[in-house]
Amino acid sequence: MRMARRRRIRAVQGPVGDRPLYEADVDLTGPLADWNAHLSLVRDKAAPLPEPLAALLVELTEQLTATTADAPLAALRAAGVLERIAARIGREAAGALADDGVTAEAVATGLGTTHSRALVLLLTAQDG
């Protein structure tokens, strides 16, 4: 029998006074809308996944979610296998991009990540 996990909400004190932010009268709709718009732009610039691969990833997610509920140890094992597969394929893909002379800036845009993260991916692939 699994025990339910409890999450503690940590109060953040700040310039809004003595009350925690989640209790203060702070309107976050504008900043959240800006952030969501930014994420939408990043997603739009990112390299699209081929439809069969995207569908397979959705199916895999559903299967792993169901397995987690029924057999969490099996789901954890599958997650470990997927991490190893993803790391190997990621290094190969980054190596191919580096060999083709693709810049870190282009990789960052295509992945929707930062320039420094893209540079780490490319450099790690060259060492690998």
C-alpha atoms as a PDB file:
ATOM      1  CA  MET A   1       0.000   0.000   0.000  1.00  0.00           C
ATOM      2  CA  ARG A   2       1.475   3.270  -1.094  1.00  0.00           C
ATOM      3  CA  MET A   3       1.319   6.236   1.192  1.00  0.00           C
ATOM      4  CA  ALA A   4       0.135   9.509  -0.219  1.00  0.00           C
ATOM      5  CA  ARG A   5       2.863  12.087  -0.507  1.00  0.00           C
ATOM      6  CA  ARG A   6       2.383  15.422   1.096  1.00  0.00           C
ATOM      7  CA  ARG A   7       3.718  18.514  -0.547  1.00  0.00           C
ATOM      8  CA  ARG A   8       4.483  21.484   1.591  1.00  0.00           C
ATOM      9  CA  ILE A   9       3.898  24.889   0.151  1.00  0.00           C
ATOM     10  CA  ARG A  10       6.711  27.137   1.161  1.00  0.00           C
ATOM     11  CA  ALA A  11       5.746  30.712   1.701  1.00  0.00           C
ATOM     12  CA  VAL A  12       7.825  33.234  -0.185  1.00  0.00           C
ATOM     13  CA  GLN A  13       8.322  36.490   1.628  1.00  0.00           C
ATOM     14  CA  GLY A  14       8.923  39.496  -0.500  1.00  0.00           C
ATOM     15  CA  PRO A  15       8.200  43.139  -1.115  1.00  0.00           C
ATOM     16  CA  VAL A  16       4.424  42.584  -0.937  1.00  0.00           C
ATOM     17  CA  GLY A  17       4.485  42.765   2.831  1.00  0.00           C
ATOM     18  CA  ASP A  18       4.386  40.234   5.607  1.00  0.00           C
ATOM     19  CA  ARG A  19       1.957  37.861   3.909  1.00  0.00           C
ATOM     20  CA  PRO A  20       3.226  35.034   1.681  1.00  0.00           C
ATOM     21  CA  LEU A  21       2.935  35.718  -2.066  1.00  0.00           C
ATOM     22  CA  TYR A  22       0.256  33.087  -2.565  1.00  0.00           C
ATOM     23  CA  GLU A  23      -1.925  34.930  -0.037  1.00  0.00           C
ATOM     24  CA  ALA A  24      -1.095  38.451  -1.151  1.00  0.00           C
ATOM     25  CA  ASP A  25      -3.182  40.417  -3.587  1.00  0.00           C
ATOM     26  CA  VAL A  26      -0.750  40.062  -6.474  1.00  0.00           C
ATOM     27  CA  ASP A  27      -2.142  39.886  -9.988  1.00  0.00           C
ATOM     28  CA  LEU A  28       0.048  37.518 -11.990  1.00  0.00           C
ATOM     29  CA  THR A  29      -2.185  37.304 -15.071  1.00  0.00           C
ATOM     30  CA  GLY A  30      -0.064  39.746 -17.090  1.00  0.00           C
ATOM     31  CA  PRO A  31       3.322  38.118 -16.370  1.00  0.00           C
ATOM     32  CA  LEU A  32       1.871  34.631 -16.823  1.00  0.00           C
ATOM     33  CA  ALA A  33       0.345  35.623 -20.151  1.00  0.00           C
ATOM     34  CA  ASP A  34       3.714  37.043 -21.225  1.00  0.00           C
ATOM     35  CA  TRP A  35       5.475  33.831 -20.193  1.00  0.00           C
ATOM     36  CA  ASN A  36       2.933  31.661 -22.043  1.00  0.00           C
ATOM     37  CA  ALA A  37       3.335  33.811 -25.151  1.00  0.00           C
ATOM     38  CA  HIS A  38       7.108  33.421 -24.917  1.00  0.00           C
ATOM     39  CA  LEU A  39       6.805  29.635 -24.598  1.00  0.00           C
ATOM     40  CA  SER A  40       4.504  29.574 -27.605  1.00  0.00           C
ATOM     41  CA  LEU A  41       7.067  31.468 -29.707  1.00  0.00           C
ATOM     42  CA  VAL A  42       9.850  29.108 -28.600  1.00  0.00           C
ATOM     43  CA  ARG A  43       7.731  26.061 -29.493  1.00  0.00           C
ATOM     44  CA  ASP A  44       6.888  27.539 -32.893  1.00  0.00           C
ATOM     45  CA  LYS A  45      10.589  27.958 -33.739  1.00  0.00           C
ATOM     46  CA  ALA A  46      11.593  24.494 -32.488  1.00  0.00           C
ATOM     47  CA  ALA A  47      12.172  21.651 -34.925  1.00  0.00           C
ATOM     48  CA  PRO A  48       8.920  19.717 -35.399  1.00  0.00           C
ATOM     49  CA  LEU A  49       8.792  16.027 -34.595  1.00  0.00           C
ATOM     50  CA  PRO A  50       7.732  13.724 -37.412  1.00  0.00           C
ATOM     51  CA  GLU A  51       4.102  12.745 -36.826  1.00  0.00           C
ATOM     52  CA  PRO A  52       4.739   8.979 -36.415  1.00  0.00           C
ATOM     53  CA  LEU A  53       7.396   9.708 -33.780  1.00  0.00           C
ATOM     54  CA  ALA A  54       5.160  12.198 -31.950  1.00  0.00           C
ATOM     55  CA  ALA A  55       2.327   9.639 -31.891  1.00  0.00           C
ATOM     56  CA  LEU A  56       4.685   6.960 -30.609  1.00  0.00           C
ATOM     57  CA  LEU A  57       5.889   9.246 -27.804  1.00  0.00           C
ATOM     58  CA  VAL A  58       2.283   9.981 -26.786  1.00  0.00           C
ATOM     59  CA  GLU A  59       1.499   6.256 -26.738  1.00  0.00           C
ATOM     60  CA  LEU A  60       4.664   5.525 -24.758  1.00  0.00           C
ATOM     61  CA  THR A  61       3.731   8.190 -22.215  1.00  0.00           C
ATOM     62  CA  GLU A  62       0.269   6.699 -21.796  1.00  0.00           C
ATOM     63  CA  GLN A  63       1.690   3.187 -21.376  1.00  0.00           C
ATOM     64  CA  LEU A  64       4.261   4.321 -18.815  1.00  0.00           C
ATOM     65  CA  THR A  65       1.644   6.271 -16.887  1.00  0.00           C
ATOM     66  CA  ALA A  66      -0.614   3.205 -16.725  1.00  0.00           C
ATOM     67  CA  THR A  67       2.314   0.982 -15.758  1.00  0.00           C
ATOM     68  CA  THR A  68       3.301   3.405 -13.001  1.00  0.00           C
ATOM     69  CA  ALA A  69      -0.127   2.972 -11.428  1.00  0.00           C
ATOM     70  CA  ASP A  70      -0.072  -0.838 -11.689  1.00  0.00           C
ATOM     71  CA  ALA A  71       3.612  -1.760 -11.479  1.00  0.00           C
ATOM     72  CA  PRO A  72       5.793   1.175 -10.404  1.00  0.00           C
ATOM     73  CA  LEU A  73       8.982  -0.892 -10.303  1.00  0.00           C
ATOM     74  CA  ALA A  74       8.484  -1.954 -13.918  1.00  0.00           C
ATOM     75  CA  ALA A  75       7.799   1.663 -14.888  1.00  0.00           C
ATOM     76  CA  LEU A  76      10.994   2.749 -13.151  1.00  0.00           C
ATOM     77  CA  ARG A  77      12.951   0.070 -14.991  1.00  0.00           C
ATOM     78  CA  ALA A  78      11.458   1.198 -18.307  1.00  0.00           C
ATOM     79  CA  ALA A  79      12.345   4.806 -17.492  1.00  0.00           C
ATOM     80  CA  GLY A  80      15.961   3.769 -16.925  1.00  0.00           C
ATOM     81  CA  VAL A  81      16.066   1.951 -20.256  1.00  0.00           C
ATOM     82  CA  LEU A  82      14.599   5.002 -21.981  1.00  0.00           C
ATOM     83  CA  GLU A  83      17.151   7.302 -20.342  1.00  0.00           C
ATOM     84  CA  ARG A  84      19.997   5.173 -21.697  1.00  0.00           C
ATOM     85  CA  ILE A  85      18.456   5.034 -25.169  1.00  0.00           C
ATOM     86  CA  ALA A  86      17.802   8.790 -25.170  1.00  0.00           C
ATOM     87  CA  ALA A  87      21.341   9.593 -24.015  1.00  0.00           C
ATOM     88  CA  ARG A  88      22.911   7.419 -26.725  1.00  0.00           C
ATOM     89  CA  ILE A  89      20.683   8.702 -29.528  1.00  0.00           C
ATOM     90  CA  GLY A  90      21.100  12.275 -28.272  1.00  0.00           C
ATOM     91  CA  ARG A  91      24.881  11.998 -28.426  1.00  0.00           C
ATOM     92  CA  GLU A  92      24.698  10.516 -31.935  1.00  0.00           C
ATOM     93  CA  ALA A  93      22.323  13.244 -33.142  1.00  0.00           C
ATOM     94  CA  ALA A  94      24.404  16.017 -31.569  1.00  0.00           C
ATOM     95  CA  GLY A  95      27.538  14.483 -33.084  1.00  0.00           C
ATOM     96  CA  ALA A  96      25.958  14.467 -36.523  1.00  0.00           C
ATOM     97  CA  LEU A  97      24.991  18.128 -36.107  1.00  0.00           C
ATOM     98  CA  ALA A  98      28.504  19.027 -34.938  1.00  0.00           C
ATOM     99  CA  ASP A  99      30.038  17.117 -37.872  1.00  0.00           C
ATOM    100  CA  ASP A 100      27.782  19.063 -40.242  1.00  0.00           C
ATOM    101  CA  GLY A 101      28.978  22.349 -38.726  1.00  0.00           C
ATOM    102  CA  VAL A 102      25.587  23.323 -37.301  1.00  0.00           C
ATOM    103  CA  THR A 103      26.047  26.208 -34.866  1.00  0.00           C
ATOM    104  CA  ALA A 104      25.049  26.145 -31.226  1.00  0.00           C
ATOM    105  CA  GLU A 105      22.682  29.020 -31.966  1.00  0.00           C
ATOM    106  CA  ALA A 106      20.854  26.966 -34.618  1.00  0.00           C
ATOM    107  CA  VAL A 107      20.691  23.974 -32.269  1.00  0.00           C
ATOM    108  CA  ALA A 108      19.347  26.185 -29.469  1.00  0.00           C
ATOM    109  CA  THR A 109      16.618  27.543 -31.721  1.00  0.00           C
ATOM    110  CA  GLY A 110      15.750  24.103 -33.057  1.00  0.00           C
ATOM    111  CA  LEU A 111      15.470  22.637 -29.575  1.00  0.00           C
ATOM    112  CA  GLY A 112      13.894  25.638 -27.909  1.00  0.00           C
ATOM    113  CA  THR A 113      16.716  25.821 -25.383  1.00  0.00           C
ATOM    114  CA  THR A 114      19.513  28.164 -24.440  1.00  0.00           C
ATOM    115  CA  HIS A 115      22.695  28.736 -26.396  1.00  0.00           C
ATOM    116  CA  SER A 116      24.782  27.414 -23.499  1.00  0.00           C
ATOM    117  CA  ARG A 117      22.746  24.191 -23.245  1.00  0.00           C
ATOM    118  CA  ALA A 118      23.068  23.644 -26.996  1.00  0.00           C
ATOM    119  CA  LEU A 119      26.811  24.248 -26.807  1.00  0.00           C
ATOM    120  CA  VAL A 120      27.114  21.662 -24.015  1.00  0.00           C
ATOM    121  CA  LEU A 121      25.233  19.122 -26.147  1.00  0.00           C
ATOM    122  CA  LEU A 122      27.504  19.710 -29.131  1.00  0.00           C
ATOM    123  CA  LEU A 123      30.719  19.639 -27.111  1.00  0.00           C
ATOM    124  CA  THR A 124      29.685  16.527 -25.188  1.00  0.00           C
ATOM    125  CA  ALA A 125      28.965  14.744 -28.462  1.00  0.00           C
ATOM    126  CA  GLN A 126      32.444  15.604 -29.756  1.00  0.00           C
ATOM    127  CA  ASP A 127      34.051  14.159 -26.620  1.00  0.00           C
ATOM    128  CA  GLY A 128      31.947  11.044 -26.705  1.00  0.00           C
END
